[in-house]
Amino acid sequence: MNTKPTPQQASHSAALPHIHVLAAQVMIVLLLLGALVAQFGLLPTLAAQQAAQDPAKAYLQLPYTLWCGAIIGGFELALFAIWNLLTLVKRDTVFTQPSRYWVTLIIYCAGADTILLALLLAHITLIAHVGTVFTNCILAAIVIFGITFVLIMLVMRQLLDSATADRTELEAVI
């Protein structure tokens, strides 16, 4: 029984990851465009509408807009890091030290955004009293998701470190 792939199978399997990388890069561009529209278009518009509806809380318009803009900025920076990781995948150099830098940046962005969201939740519910029950539940769920994501990414970084060390060790032997 011959388990060696044919040349057609080998070229197909080599091209497949590049298709996945390209699809992921297209999605990153779409996410980035959506984030920019939300950050500079939708968010200020919604904040202005909310301030007009509740003039007693209008003083929160600018700080909440800037706060949420910073959260979106962290997301955009994480997208940049993911783009760079995908570039390393495309070059077949993902198990190198630069990939650790990009994964660490993703962890920092997610951690910072999670902290900012938790502080926003605390301010909305405990200080300003402007959130609805639905808003509070959504923000709490996002904070829980953020914490979980950061923990998973920490484990993934440890796996990346092990794989990078194993690859370096194997290259030294060969």
N, C-alpha and C. Protein backbone atom coordinates (compact mmCIF):
# COMPACT_ATOMS: atom_id res chain seq x y z
N MET A 1 0.84 -1.17 0.00
CA MET A 1 0.00 0.00 0.00
C MET A 1 0.88 1.24 0.00
N ASN A 2 0.70 2.10 -0.99
CA ASN A 2 1.52 3.30 -1.15
C ASN A 2 0.82 4.48 -0.47
N THR A 3 1.47 5.05 0.53
CA THR A 3 0.88 6.19 1.23
C THR A 3 1.51 7.51 0.81
N LYS A 4 2.46 7.44 -0.12
CA LYS A 4 3.11 8.67 -0.59
C LYS A 4 2.13 9.42 -1.49
N PRO A 5 1.96 10.75 -1.25
CA PRO A 5 1.00 11.50 -2.08
C PRO A 5 1.50 11.67 -3.50
N THR A 6 0.56 11.71 -4.43
CA THR A 6 0.91 11.96 -5.82
C THR A 6 1.30 13.43 -5.96
N PRO A 7 1.97 13.82 -7.05
CA PRO A 7 2.33 15.24 -7.22
C PRO A 7 1.11 16.16 -7.21
N GLN A 8 -0.03 15.69 -7.75
CA GLN A 8 -1.23 16.52 -7.75
C GLN A 8 -1.74 16.72 -6.32
N GLN A 9 -1.71 15.63 -5.52
CA GLN A 9 -2.15 15.74 -4.13
C GLN A 9 -1.23 16.64 -3.34
N ALA A 10 0.07 16.54 -3.57
CA ALA A 10 1.04 17.37 -2.85
C ALA A 10 0.85 18.84 -3.19
N SER A 11 0.66 19.17 -4.47
CA SER A 11 0.48 20.58 -4.83
C SER A 11 -0.85 21.11 -4.31
N HIS A 12 -1.88 20.23 -4.28
CA HIS A 12 -3.18 20.65 -3.74
C HIS A 12 -3.08 20.92 -2.25
N SER A 13 -2.41 20.05 -1.50
CA SER A 13 -2.31 20.25 -0.06
C SER A 13 -1.43 21.44 0.27
N ALA A 14 -0.43 21.75 -0.57
CA ALA A 14 0.41 22.93 -0.34
C ALA A 14 -0.35 24.21 -0.62
N ALA A 15 -1.24 24.18 -1.61
CA ALA A 15 -1.99 25.38 -1.97
C ALA A 15 -3.14 25.64 -1.01
N LEU A 16 -3.66 24.59 -0.39
CA LEU A 16 -4.81 24.74 0.49
C LEU A 16 -4.58 25.71 1.64
N PRO A 17 -3.46 25.62 2.38
CA PRO A 17 -3.26 26.60 3.45
C PRO A 17 -3.21 28.04 2.94
N HIS A 18 -2.68 28.24 1.73
CA HIS A 18 -2.62 29.60 1.19
C HIS A 18 -4.02 30.13 0.87
N ILE A 19 -4.92 29.23 0.49
CA ILE A 19 -6.31 29.64 0.27
C ILE A 19 -6.93 30.05 1.61
N HIS A 20 -6.64 29.29 2.65
CA HIS A 20 -7.16 29.63 3.98
C HIS A 20 -6.58 30.96 4.46
N VAL A 21 -5.30 31.17 4.22
CA VAL A 21 -4.67 32.45 4.62
C VAL A 21 -5.31 33.60 3.85
N LEU A 22 -5.50 33.43 2.55
CA LEU A 22 -6.13 34.47 1.75
C LEU A 22 -7.54 34.76 2.23
N ALA A 23 -8.31 33.71 2.52
CA ALA A 23 -9.68 33.91 3.03
C ALA A 23 -9.67 34.64 4.36
N ALA A 24 -8.73 34.27 5.23
CA ALA A 24 -8.62 34.95 6.53
C ALA A 24 -8.22 36.42 6.34
N GLN A 25 -7.33 36.69 5.40
CA GLN A 25 -6.92 38.07 5.16
C GLN A 25 -8.07 38.90 4.61
N VAL A 26 -8.88 38.32 3.75
CA VAL A 26 -10.07 39.02 3.25
C VAL A 26 -11.01 39.35 4.42
N MET A 27 -11.20 38.39 5.32
CA MET A 27 -12.07 38.63 6.48
C MET A 27 -11.48 39.71 7.40
N ILE A 28 -10.16 39.73 7.54
CA ILE A 28 -9.52 40.76 8.36
C ILE A 28 -9.75 42.14 7.76
N VAL A 29 -9.64 42.25 6.45
CA VAL A 29 -9.90 43.54 5.79
C VAL A 29 -11.34 43.97 6.04
N LEU A 30 -12.28 43.03 5.90
CA LEU A 30 -13.69 43.36 6.14
C LEU A 30 -13.92 43.76 7.60
N LEU A 31 -13.33 43.02 8.54
CA LEU A 31 -13.46 43.36 9.96
C LEU A 31 -12.85 44.73 10.25
N LEU A 32 -11.70 45.01 9.65
CA LEU A 32 -11.06 46.31 9.86
C LEU A 32 -11.91 47.45 9.32
N LEU A 33 -12.46 47.26 8.13
CA LEU A 33 -13.34 48.29 7.57
C LEU A 33 -14.57 48.49 8.45
N GLY A 34 -15.15 47.40 8.92
CA GLY A 34 -16.31 47.51 9.81
C GLY A 34 -15.95 48.21 11.12
N ALA A 35 -14.78 47.88 11.66
CA ALA A 35 -14.34 48.52 12.90
C ALA A 35 -14.11 50.02 12.71
N LEU A 36 -13.52 50.40 11.58
CA LEU A 36 -13.29 51.82 11.31
C LEU A 36 -14.61 52.58 11.14
N VAL A 37 -15.55 51.96 10.44
CA VAL A 37 -16.88 52.59 10.29
C VAL A 37 -17.55 52.74 11.65
N ALA A 38 -17.46 51.70 12.48
CA ALA A 38 -18.05 51.77 13.82
C ALA A 38 -17.35 52.83 14.67
N GLN A 39 -16.02 52.86 14.59
CA GLN A 39 -15.24 53.75 15.45
C GLN A 39 -15.45 55.22 15.10
N PHE A 40 -15.47 55.53 13.81
CA PHE A 40 -15.51 56.94 13.41
C PHE A 40 -16.84 57.38 12.83
N GLY A 41 -17.76 56.46 12.62
CA GLY A 41 -19.06 56.83 12.07
C GLY A 41 -20.21 56.49 12.99
N LEU A 42 -20.37 55.20 13.23
CA LEU A 42 -21.51 54.71 14.00
C LEU A 42 -21.45 55.12 15.46
N LEU A 43 -20.31 54.94 16.09
CA LEU A 43 -20.17 55.23 17.52
C LEU A 43 -20.45 56.70 17.85
N PRO A 44 -19.82 57.65 17.16
CA PRO A 44 -20.13 59.06 17.47
C PRO A 44 -21.59 59.43 17.19
N THR A 45 -22.17 58.85 16.15
CA THR A 45 -23.57 59.13 15.82
C THR A 45 -24.50 58.60 16.90
N LEU A 46 -24.28 57.37 17.33
CA LEU A 46 -25.11 56.80 18.39
C LEU A 46 -24.95 57.55 19.70
N ALA A 47 -23.73 57.96 20.01
CA ALA A 47 -23.49 58.72 21.24
C ALA A 47 -24.21 60.07 21.20
N ALA A 48 -24.19 60.71 20.05
CA ALA A 48 -24.88 62.00 19.91
C ALA A 48 -26.39 61.82 20.04
N GLN A 49 -26.93 60.76 19.46
CA GLN A 49 -28.36 60.48 19.58
C GLN A 49 -28.75 60.21 21.03
N GLN A 50 -27.92 59.44 21.72
CA GLN A 50 -28.20 59.12 23.12
C GLN A 50 -28.15 60.39 23.98
N ALA A 51 -27.18 61.25 23.70
CA ALA A 51 -27.06 62.51 24.45
C ALA A 51 -28.27 63.40 24.21
N ALA A 52 -28.78 63.39 22.99
CA ALA A 52 -29.96 64.19 22.68
C ALA A 52 -31.20 63.63 23.37
N GLN A 53 -31.30 62.33 23.51
CA GLN A 53 -32.45 61.70 24.15
C GLN A 53 -32.44 61.88 25.66
N ASP A 54 -31.26 61.95 26.26
CA ASP A 54 -31.14 62.06 27.71
C ASP A 54 -30.15 63.18 28.06
N PRO A 55 -30.60 64.44 28.00
CA PRO A 55 -29.70 65.56 28.24
C PRO A 55 -29.03 65.53 29.62
N ALA A 56 -29.67 64.90 30.60
CA ALA A 56 -29.07 64.82 31.93
C ALA A 56 -27.79 63.98 31.92
N LYS A 57 -27.68 63.07 30.99
CA LYS A 57 -26.49 62.21 30.89
C LYS A 57 -25.63 62.57 29.67
N ALA A 58 -25.88 63.72 29.05
CA ALA A 58 -25.15 64.12 27.85
C ALA A 58 -23.65 64.29 28.12
N TYR A 59 -23.28 64.57 29.36
CA TYR A 59 -21.86 64.73 29.69
C TYR A 59 -21.06 63.44 29.48
N LEU A 60 -21.74 62.32 29.36
CA LEU A 60 -21.07 61.03 29.14
C LEU A 60 -20.75 60.77 27.66
N GLN A 61 -21.27 61.60 26.78
CA GLN A 61 -21.11 61.37 25.35
C GLN A 61 -19.64 61.29 24.94
N LEU A 62 -18.85 62.29 25.25
CA LEU A 62 -17.45 62.29 24.83
C LEU A 62 -16.62 61.21 25.53
N PRO A 63 -16.70 61.09 26.87
CA PRO A 63 -15.87 60.04 27.49
C PRO A 63 -16.22 58.62 27.02
N TYR A 64 -17.51 58.33 26.87
CA TYR A 64 -17.89 56.99 26.41
C TYR A 64 -17.47 56.78 24.96
N THR A 65 -17.56 57.82 24.13
CA THR A 65 -17.15 57.70 22.73
C THR A 65 -15.65 57.43 22.65
N LEU A 66 -14.86 58.16 23.42
CA LEU A 66 -13.41 57.95 23.42
C LEU A 66 -13.05 56.58 24.00
N TRP A 67 -13.74 56.21 25.08
CA TRP A 67 -13.48 54.91 25.73
C TRP A 67 -13.75 53.76 24.77
N CYS A 68 -14.91 53.81 24.14
CA CYS A 68 -15.27 52.75 23.19
C CYS A 68 -14.38 52.80 21.95
N GLY A 69 -13.99 54.00 21.54
CA GLY A 69 -13.05 54.12 20.42
C GLY A 69 -11.72 53.46 20.73
N ALA A 70 -11.26 53.59 21.98
CA ALA A 70 -10.01 52.94 22.39
C ALA A 70 -10.16 51.42 22.36
N ILE A 71 -11.31 50.93 22.76
CA ILE A 71 -11.56 49.48 22.73
C ILE A 71 -11.52 48.98 21.28
N ILE A 72 -12.15 49.71 20.39
CA ILE A 72 -12.14 49.32 18.98
C ILE A 72 -10.71 49.42 18.42
N GLY A 73 -9.95 50.42 18.87
CA GLY A 73 -8.56 50.55 18.45
C GLY A 73 -7.72 49.35 18.86
N GLY A 74 -7.98 48.83 20.05
CA GLY A 74 -7.29 47.62 20.49
C GLY A 74 -7.62 46.43 19.61
N PHE A 75 -8.88 46.34 19.21
CA PHE A 75 -9.31 45.29 18.30
C PHE A 75 -8.60 45.42 16.96
N GLU A 76 -8.50 46.65 16.46
CA GLU A 76 -7.83 46.89 15.18
C GLU A 76 -6.35 46.51 15.25
N LEU A 77 -5.70 46.83 16.36
CA LEU A 77 -4.30 46.47 16.54
C LEU A 77 -4.14 44.94 16.56
N ALA A 78 -5.06 44.25 17.19
CA ALA A 78 -5.03 42.78 17.20
C ALA A 78 -5.21 42.22 15.79
N LEU A 79 -6.06 42.86 14.98
CA LEU A 79 -6.22 42.43 13.60
C LEU A 79 -4.90 42.58 12.83
N PHE A 80 -4.18 43.66 13.08
CA PHE A 80 -2.87 43.88 12.47
C PHE A 80 -1.91 42.75 12.85
N ALA A 81 -1.92 42.37 14.11
CA ALA A 81 -1.05 41.29 14.58
C ALA A 81 -1.44 39.96 13.92
N ILE A 82 -2.73 39.71 13.79
CA ILE A 82 -3.19 38.47 13.14
C ILE A 82 -2.77 38.46 11.68
N TRP A 83 -2.84 39.61 11.02
CA TRP A 83 -2.41 39.72 9.63
C TRP A 83 -0.93 39.31 9.51
N ASN A 84 -0.12 39.81 10.44
CA ASN A 84 1.31 39.48 10.42
C ASN A 84 1.55 38.01 10.71
N LEU A 85 0.76 37.41 11.58
CA LEU A 85 0.87 35.97 11.82
C LEU A 85 0.52 35.18 10.55
N LEU A 86 -0.51 35.62 9.86
CA LEU A 86 -0.90 34.95 8.62
C LEU A 86 0.20 35.07 7.57
N THR A 87 0.90 36.19 7.55
CA THR A 87 2.02 36.36 6.64
C THR A 87 3.13 35.36 6.96
N LEU A 88 3.37 35.15 8.26
CA LEU A 88 4.36 34.15 8.66
C LEU A 88 3.92 32.74 8.26
N VAL A 89 2.63 32.46 8.36
CA VAL A 89 2.11 31.16 7.94
C VAL A 89 2.34 30.98 6.44
N LYS A 90 2.06 32.02 5.68
CA LYS A 90 2.22 31.95 4.23
C LYS A 90 3.69 31.69 3.85
N ARG A 91 4.60 32.25 4.62
CA ARG A 91 6.04 32.07 4.36
C ARG A 91 6.61 30.81 5.00
N ASP A 92 5.76 30.07 5.70
CA ASP A 92 6.16 28.86 6.42
C ASP A 92 7.23 29.16 7.47
N THR A 93 7.07 30.31 8.13
CA THR A 93 8.00 30.69 9.19
C THR A 93 7.25 30.99 10.49
N VAL A 94 6.12 30.33 10.67
CA VAL A 94 5.30 30.61 11.84
C VAL A 94 5.95 30.11 13.13
N PHE A 95 6.77 29.08 13.03
CA PHE A 95 7.42 28.55 14.23
C PHE A 95 8.79 29.21 14.42
N THR A 96 8.77 30.54 14.46
CA THR A 96 9.96 31.33 14.70
C THR A 96 9.64 32.36 15.78
N GLN A 97 10.66 33.03 16.26
CA GLN A 97 10.48 33.99 17.35
C GLN A 97 9.54 35.15 17.00
N PRO A 98 9.54 35.69 15.77
CA PRO A 98 8.60 36.79 15.49
C PRO A 98 7.14 36.44 15.72
N SER A 99 6.77 35.18 15.53
CA SER A 99 5.37 34.80 15.75
C SER A 99 4.99 34.96 17.22
N ARG A 100 5.94 34.73 18.12
CA ARG A 100 5.67 34.91 19.55
C ARG A 100 5.34 36.37 19.84
N TYR A 101 6.05 37.28 19.19
CA TYR A 101 5.78 38.71 19.36
C TYR A 101 4.35 39.04 18.97
N TRP A 102 3.91 38.54 17.82
CA TRP A 102 2.56 38.87 17.34
C TRP A 102 1.49 38.23 18.22
N VAL A 103 1.72 37.01 18.68
CA VAL A 103 0.76 36.36 19.58
C VAL A 103 0.69 37.12 20.90
N THR A 104 1.84 37.56 21.40
CA THR A 104 1.86 38.34 22.64
C THR A 104 1.10 39.65 22.46
N LEU A 105 1.25 40.29 21.32
CA LEU A 105 0.51 41.53 21.05
C LEU A 105 -1.00 41.27 21.05
N ILE A 106 -1.42 40.16 20.47
CA ILE A 106 -2.84 39.80 20.48
C ILE A 106 -3.33 39.62 21.92
N ILE A 107 -2.53 38.95 22.74
CA ILE A 107 -2.89 38.74 24.14
C ILE A 107 -3.02 40.08 24.87
N TYR A 108 -2.05 40.97 24.67
CA TYR A 108 -2.11 42.28 25.32
C TYR A 108 -3.32 43.09 24.86
N CYS A 109 -3.60 43.06 23.56
CA CYS A 109 -4.77 43.79 23.04
C CYS A 109 -6.06 43.24 23.64
N ALA A 110 -6.19 41.92 23.65
CA ALA A 110 -7.40 41.30 24.20
C ALA A 110 -7.52 41.57 25.69
N GLY A 111 -6.40 41.49 26.40
CA GLY A 111 -6.42 41.76 27.83
C GLY A 111 -6.79 43.20 28.13
N ALA A 112 -6.19 44.13 27.40
CA ALA A 112 -6.50 45.55 27.60
C ALA A 112 -7.96 45.84 27.27
N ASP A 113 -8.44 45.30 26.15
CA ASP A 113 -9.84 45.52 25.79
C ASP A 113 -10.79 44.91 26.82
N THR A 114 -10.45 43.76 27.35
CA THR A 114 -11.29 43.13 28.38
C THR A 114 -11.33 43.99 29.64
N ILE A 115 -10.19 44.52 30.04
CA ILE A 115 -10.15 45.40 31.21
C ILE A 115 -10.96 46.67 30.95
N LEU A 116 -10.79 47.26 29.78
CA LEU A 116 -11.55 48.47 29.44
C LEU A 116 -13.05 48.20 29.43
N LEU A 117 -13.45 47.05 28.89
CA LEU A 117 -14.88 46.70 28.88
C LEU A 117 -15.40 46.44 30.30
N ALA A 118 -14.60 45.80 31.14
CA ALA A 118 -15.03 45.56 32.52
C ALA A 118 -15.18 46.88 33.27
N LEU A 119 -14.26 47.81 33.05
CA LEU A 119 -14.37 49.13 33.68
C LEU A 119 -15.58 49.89 33.15
N LEU A 120 -15.84 49.78 31.86
CA LEU A 120 -17.03 50.41 31.28
C LEU A 120 -18.30 49.83 31.89
N LEU A 121 -18.34 48.52 32.02
CA LEU A 121 -19.49 47.87 32.65
C LEU A 121 -19.68 48.36 34.08
N ALA A 122 -18.58 48.44 34.82
CA ALA A 122 -18.68 48.91 36.20
C ALA A 122 -19.17 50.35 36.25
N HIS A 123 -18.67 51.19 35.36
CA HIS A 123 -19.10 52.59 35.36
C HIS A 123 -20.57 52.73 34.97
N ILE A 124 -20.97 51.99 33.95
CA ILE A 124 -22.36 52.07 33.48
C ILE A 124 -23.33 51.62 34.57
N THR A 125 -22.99 50.54 35.25
CA THR A 125 -23.94 49.97 36.22
C THR A 125 -23.83 50.58 37.61
N LEU A 126 -22.63 50.86 38.07
CA LEU A 126 -22.45 51.27 39.46
C LEU A 126 -22.36 52.79 39.66
N ILE A 127 -21.93 53.53 38.65
CA ILE A 127 -21.71 54.96 38.83
C ILE A 127 -22.73 55.79 38.05
N ALA A 128 -22.78 55.58 36.73
CA ALA A 128 -23.63 56.42 35.89
C ALA A 128 -25.08 55.96 35.86
N HIS A 129 -25.32 54.69 36.11
CA HIS A 129 -26.68 54.11 36.08
C HIS A 129 -27.39 54.39 34.76
N VAL A 130 -26.68 54.11 33.65
CA VAL A 130 -27.28 54.37 32.35
C VAL A 130 -27.54 53.11 31.54
N GLY A 131 -27.01 51.99 31.95
CA GLY A 131 -27.18 50.76 31.18
C GLY A 131 -28.49 50.08 31.48
N THR A 132 -29.01 49.41 30.46
CA THR A 132 -30.18 48.57 30.66
C THR A 132 -29.70 47.19 31.13
N VAL A 133 -30.62 46.38 31.55
CA VAL A 133 -30.26 45.02 31.95
C VAL A 133 -29.65 44.28 30.76
N PHE A 134 -30.22 44.48 29.59
CA PHE A 134 -29.69 43.83 28.38
C PHE A 134 -28.26 44.28 28.10
N THR A 135 -28.01 45.59 28.17
CA THR A 135 -26.67 46.13 27.95
C THR A 135 -25.69 45.54 28.95
N ASN A 136 -26.07 45.50 30.20
CA ASN A 136 -25.20 44.95 31.23
C ASN A 136 -24.89 43.48 30.99
N CYS A 137 -25.89 42.71 30.60
CA CYS A 137 -25.68 41.28 30.34
C CYS A 137 -24.76 41.08 29.13
N ILE A 138 -24.96 41.86 28.09
CA ILE A 138 -24.10 41.75 26.90
C ILE A 138 -22.66 42.10 27.25
N LEU A 139 -22.47 43.20 27.97
CA LEU A 139 -21.11 43.59 28.36
C LEU A 139 -20.47 42.55 29.28
N ALA A 140 -21.24 42.01 30.21
CA ALA A 140 -20.70 40.97 31.10
C ALA A 140 -20.31 39.74 30.30
N ALA A 141 -21.12 39.36 29.34
CA ALA A 141 -20.80 38.19 28.50
C ALA A 141 -19.54 38.44 27.68
N ILE A 142 -19.39 39.66 27.17
CA ILE A 142 -18.19 39.99 26.39
C ILE A 142 -16.96 39.97 27.28
N VAL A 143 -17.08 40.45 28.51
CA VAL A 143 -15.95 40.42 29.46
C VAL A 143 -15.56 38.97 29.76
N ILE A 144 -16.55 38.11 29.98
CA ILE A 144 -16.26 36.69 30.24
C ILE A 144 -15.60 36.05 29.02
N PHE A 145 -16.10 36.38 27.84
CA PHE A 145 -15.50 35.88 26.60
C PHE A 145 -14.05 36.38 26.50
N GLY A 146 -13.82 37.65 26.80
CA GLY A 146 -12.47 38.22 26.72
C GLY A 146 -11.50 37.53 27.66
N ILE A 147 -11.93 37.28 28.87
CA ILE A 147 -11.08 36.57 29.83
C ILE A 147 -10.75 35.17 29.31
N THR A 148 -11.76 34.48 28.82
CA THR A 148 -11.56 33.13 28.29
C THR A 148 -10.62 33.16 27.09
N PHE A 149 -10.80 34.12 26.21
CA PHE A 149 -9.95 34.24 25.02
C PHE A 149 -8.49 34.47 25.42
N VAL A 150 -8.26 35.36 26.38
CA VAL A 150 -6.89 35.63 26.82
C VAL A 150 -6.26 34.37 27.40
N LEU A 151 -7.01 33.63 28.21
CA LEU A 151 -6.47 32.39 28.80
C LEU A 151 -6.14 31.36 27.72
N ILE A 152 -7.01 31.23 26.73
CA ILE A 152 -6.75 30.29 25.64
C ILE A 152 -5.53 30.74 24.85
N MET A 153 -5.40 32.03 24.60
CA MET A 153 -4.25 32.53 23.86
C MET A 153 -2.95 32.33 24.63
N LEU A 154 -3.00 32.42 25.95
CA LEU A 154 -1.80 32.14 26.76
C LEU A 154 -1.36 30.69 26.59
N VAL A 155 -2.33 29.78 26.57
CA VAL A 155 -2.02 28.37 26.33
C VAL A 155 -1.47 28.18 24.92
N MET A 156 -2.08 28.84 23.94
CA MET A 156 -1.62 28.72 22.56
C MET A 156 -0.20 29.26 22.42
N ARG A 157 0.13 30.33 23.15
CA ARG A 157 1.49 30.87 23.09
C ARG A 157 2.49 29.86 23.67
N GLN A 158 2.08 29.16 24.75
CA GLN A 158 2.96 28.13 25.30
C GLN A 158 3.17 26.99 24.30
N LEU A 159 2.10 26.62 23.60
CA LEU A 159 2.23 25.60 22.56
C LEU A 159 3.15 26.07 21.43
N LEU A 160 3.00 27.34 21.05
CA LEU A 160 3.86 27.91 20.02
C LEU A 160 5.32 27.89 20.47
N ASP A 161 5.57 28.26 21.72
CA ASP A 161 6.93 28.23 22.26
C ASP A 161 7.52 26.83 22.20
N SER A 162 6.74 25.83 22.58
CA SER A 162 7.21 24.44 22.55
C SER A 162 7.50 24.00 21.11
N ALA A 163 6.58 24.33 20.20
CA ALA A 163 6.78 23.94 18.80
C ALA A 163 7.99 24.65 18.20
N THR A 164 8.17 25.92 18.55
CA THR A 164 9.33 26.66 18.05
C THR A 164 10.62 26.06 18.58
N ALA A 165 10.64 25.73 19.87
CA ALA A 165 11.84 25.11 20.45
C ALA A 165 12.11 23.75 19.82
N ASP A 166 11.06 22.96 19.61
CA ASP A 166 11.23 21.66 18.99
C ASP A 166 11.77 21.80 17.56
N ARG A 167 11.25 22.76 16.83
CA ARG A 167 11.70 22.97 15.43
C ARG A 167 13.16 23.43 15.42
N THR A 168 13.51 24.34 16.34
CA THR A 168 14.89 24.81 16.41
C THR A 168 15.83 23.67 16.76
N GLU A 169 15.40 22.84 17.71
CA GLU A 169 16.20 21.69 18.12
C GLU A 169 16.37 20.69 16.96
N LEU A 170 15.29 20.46 16.23
CA LEU A 170 15.33 19.53 15.11
C LEU A 170 16.23 20.07 14.00
N GLU A 171 16.16 21.36 13.72
CA GLU A 171 17.03 21.94 12.70
C GLU A 171 18.50 21.87 13.11
N ALA A 172 18.78 21.98 14.40
CA ALA A 172 20.16 21.87 14.86
C ALA A 172 20.69 20.46 14.67
N VAL A 173 19.83 19.46 14.85
CA VAL A 173 20.23 18.07 14.68
C VAL A 173 20.46 17.76 13.21
N ILE A 174 19.59 18.27 12.37
CA ILE A 174 19.69 17.99 10.93
C ILE A 174 20.83 18.78 10.36
